[in-house]
Amino acid sequence: MVRFMRHTGRVVPSNICGVLAESEIVYPDDRALAEQLLGVRYFSSYGHTEKLVMAAECEHSGDYHVWPTYGIAELLDDEGRPITTPGQRGEIVGTGFINTIVPFI
């Protein structure tokens, strides 16, 4: 979208105060281009289609923060144990609070 706007000379509306990319990978070059053209911060978020986990970048650090009212998220290792060490990879497991049809907790 940003490249299209730049290519066609589209003007960015003045009432845009930020951009939130929903569940899309935003590469550093794309983020820099969007922020330069739009003149606002560009944030990424992560969510499951199953509505279990939602997290978004923090405006102060760029780290992702889980939305606790959306669901409970855990990061588990290969043995199913919770990971508490920053930077360690694991599987995201969640229990969502949004699904009102089958609210499993």
Foldseek 3Di string as FASTA:
>chain_A
DLVVCVVVVPAADPPDAEAEAEQDDQDPVNQVSCCVRNVHHYKYKHADPVQFWIWIADPVPRDIDTDVQFWDKFFAAPVRHGDDDPPDHGDIDGQGDPDPVDRDD
